[in-house]
């Protein structure tokens, strides 16, 4: 199943517009890889998402992984990361994703991922099953 990237982009825009009070849809396709990546780069938020439906076992990514390649929120410790992760968790299965991954982590993103139960892939990436995140959000 190939995810409907356009539909996902629309839902992501709605989430970002509600959360950060943007007047115009901030998320769009990458100029380089249309329909494969969504890049969002504004003052409040910087998010870059990859959609991997095939296995990349050589670098540790499982089949059907939504990968957060870059994530930044200007305001930290305001719940933006948790809200974004919850949004992704609620939508991933609909679009055919079984895993959420975070690429090129730093100490802050590592601590954030560990809080939710992400597993390390080597020294720089981490992932979690969407079903485990659903259970986490249901119980917390």
Protein backbone atom coordinates (compact mmCIF):
# COMPACT_ATOMS: atom_id res chain seq x y z
CA UNK A 1 0.00 0.00 0.00
CA UNK A 2 1.39 3.36 -1.03
CA UNK A 3 0.53 6.20 1.38
CA UNK A 4 -1.51 9.13 0.13
CA UNK A 5 1.12 11.80 0.75
CA UNK A 6 -1.17 14.62 -0.38
CA UNK A 7 -3.85 13.66 2.14
CA UNK A 8 -1.22 13.31 4.88
CA UNK A 9 0.18 16.75 3.99
CA UNK A 10 -3.29 18.26 4.34
CA UNK A 11 -3.77 16.70 7.77
CA UNK A 12 -0.30 17.80 8.87
CA UNK A 13 -1.06 21.34 7.73
CA UNK A 14 -4.28 21.35 9.74
CA UNK A 15 -2.41 20.14 12.83
CA UNK A 16 0.34 22.76 12.44
CA UNK A 17 -2.10 25.58 11.71
CA UNK A 18 -4.13 24.76 14.82
CA UNK A 19 -1.12 24.21 17.07
CA UNK A 20 1.01 27.16 15.97
CA UNK A 21 -1.70 29.55 14.73
CA UNK A 22 -0.36 29.75 11.17
CA UNK A 23 -2.66 31.59 8.77
CA UNK A 24 -1.48 29.63 5.72
CA UNK A 25 -0.63 25.95 5.30
CA UNK A 26 3.06 25.62 6.22
CA UNK A 27 3.87 22.05 5.05
CA UNK A 28 4.69 21.33 1.43
CA UNK A 29 6.51 18.83 -0.75
CA UNK A 30 10.25 18.88 -1.10
CA UNK A 31 11.36 20.46 -4.36
CA UNK A 32 13.85 17.63 -4.78
CA UNK A 33 11.69 14.58 -4.02
CA UNK A 34 8.05 15.34 -4.77
CA UNK A 35 5.61 12.95 -3.12
CA UNK A 36 8.40 11.32 -1.10
CA UNK A 37 9.20 14.02 1.43
CA UNK A 38 7.40 16.77 3.23
CA UNK A 39 9.47 19.70 4.38
CA UNK A 40 8.24 22.36 6.68
CA UNK A 41 10.56 25.23 7.52
CA UNK A 42 9.21 28.21 9.40
CA UNK A 43 10.37 30.28 12.35
CA UNK A 44 8.44 28.29 14.95
CA UNK A 45 8.89 24.80 13.53
CA UNK A 46 11.27 22.93 11.22
CA UNK A 47 10.17 19.39 10.28
CA UNK A 48 11.41 17.10 7.53
CA UNK A 49 9.61 13.76 7.07
CA UNK A 50 10.56 10.78 4.88
CA UNK A 51 8.12 8.06 3.88
CA UNK A 52 9.85 4.66 3.65
CA UNK A 53 7.62 1.85 2.51
CA UNK A 54 10.51 -0.47 1.59
CA UNK A 55 13.02 -2.12 3.87
CA UNK A 56 16.33 -0.37 4.47
CA UNK A 57 17.77 -3.11 6.67
CA UNK A 58 21.33 -2.12 5.78
CA UNK A 59 20.83 1.06 7.80
CA UNK A 60 18.32 -0.42 10.23
CA UNK A 61 14.98 0.97 9.04
CA UNK A 62 12.13 -1.50 8.87
CA UNK A 63 9.54 -1.68 6.11
CA UNK A 64 6.69 0.87 6.44
CA UNK A 65 8.52 3.43 8.60
CA UNK A 66 7.64 7.10 8.77
CA UNK A 67 10.99 8.77 9.46
CA UNK A 68 11.37 12.14 11.12
CA UNK A 69 14.61 13.25 9.49
CA UNK A 70 14.66 16.66 11.14
CA UNK A 71 12.55 18.20 13.88
CA UNK A 72 12.89 21.50 15.68
CA UNK A 73 10.52 23.57 17.77
CA UNK A 74 11.58 27.09 18.71
CA UNK A 75 9.70 26.84 22.01
CA UNK A 76 10.81 23.80 23.96
CA UNK A 77 9.14 22.05 26.89
CA UNK A 78 5.71 23.25 25.78
CA UNK A 79 4.36 19.85 24.71
CA UNK A 80 4.86 20.42 20.97
CA UNK A 81 6.96 17.27 20.50
CA UNK A 82 4.49 15.11 22.40
CA UNK A 83 1.53 16.59 20.51
CA UNK A 84 3.30 16.00 17.18
CA UNK A 85 4.16 12.41 18.10
CA UNK A 86 0.57 11.79 19.18
CA UNK A 87 -0.68 13.24 15.87
CA UNK A 88 1.65 10.92 13.93
CA UNK A 89 0.62 7.93 16.05
CA UNK A 90 -3.06 8.57 15.37
CA UNK A 91 -2.51 8.83 11.60
CA UNK A 92 0.27 6.32 10.81
CA UNK A 93 -1.83 3.16 10.47
CA UNK A 94 -4.27 4.95 8.17
CA UNK A 95 -1.36 5.66 5.81
CA UNK A 96 0.19 2.21 6.06
CA UNK A 97 3.03 2.90 8.52
CA UNK A 98 3.87 0.43 11.29
CA UNK A 99 6.88 2.31 12.70
CA UNK A 100 7.99 5.85 13.47
CA UNK A 101 11.70 6.56 13.27
CA UNK A 102 13.87 9.51 14.25
CA UNK A 103 17.02 10.09 12.25
CA UNK A 104 20.30 11.66 13.40
CA UNK A 105 19.28 12.13 17.01
CA UNK A 106 20.91 14.54 19.44
CA UNK A 107 20.92 14.28 23.27
CA UNK A 108 17.54 16.05 23.54
CA UNK A 109 15.79 13.92 20.93
CA UNK A 110 17.37 10.78 22.41
CA UNK A 111 15.98 11.57 25.87
CA UNK A 112 12.59 12.39 24.33
CA UNK A 113 12.54 9.10 22.40
CA UNK A 114 13.60 7.04 25.40
CA UNK A 115 10.72 8.55 27.40
CA UNK A 116 8.30 7.02 24.87
CA UNK A 117 10.13 3.69 24.49
CA UNK A 118 12.00 4.21 21.21
CA UNK A 119 14.74 1.68 20.42
CA UNK A 120 18.19 2.66 19.16
CA UNK A 121 19.41 1.70 15.68
CA UNK A 122 23.17 2.08 15.91
CA UNK A 123 24.34 5.32 17.53
CA UNK A 124 22.31 7.89 15.61
CA UNK A 125 18.78 6.66 14.85
CA UNK A 126 15.83 5.31 16.81
CA UNK A 127 12.40 3.82 16.09
CA UNK A 128 9.25 2.51 17.74
CA UNK A 129 6.23 0.47 16.68
CA UNK A 130 3.13 2.60 16.22
CA UNK A 131 1.06 0.11 18.26
CA UNK A 132 3.37 0.60 21.27
CA UNK A 133 2.94 4.36 21.04
CA UNK A 134 -0.83 3.94 20.86
CA UNK A 135 -0.71 1.95 24.10
CA UNK A 136 1.53 4.59 25.69
CA UNK A 137 -0.87 7.42 24.83
CA UNK A 138 -3.89 5.39 25.90
CA UNK A 139 -2.36 4.74 29.33
CA UNK A 140 -0.95 8.24 29.95
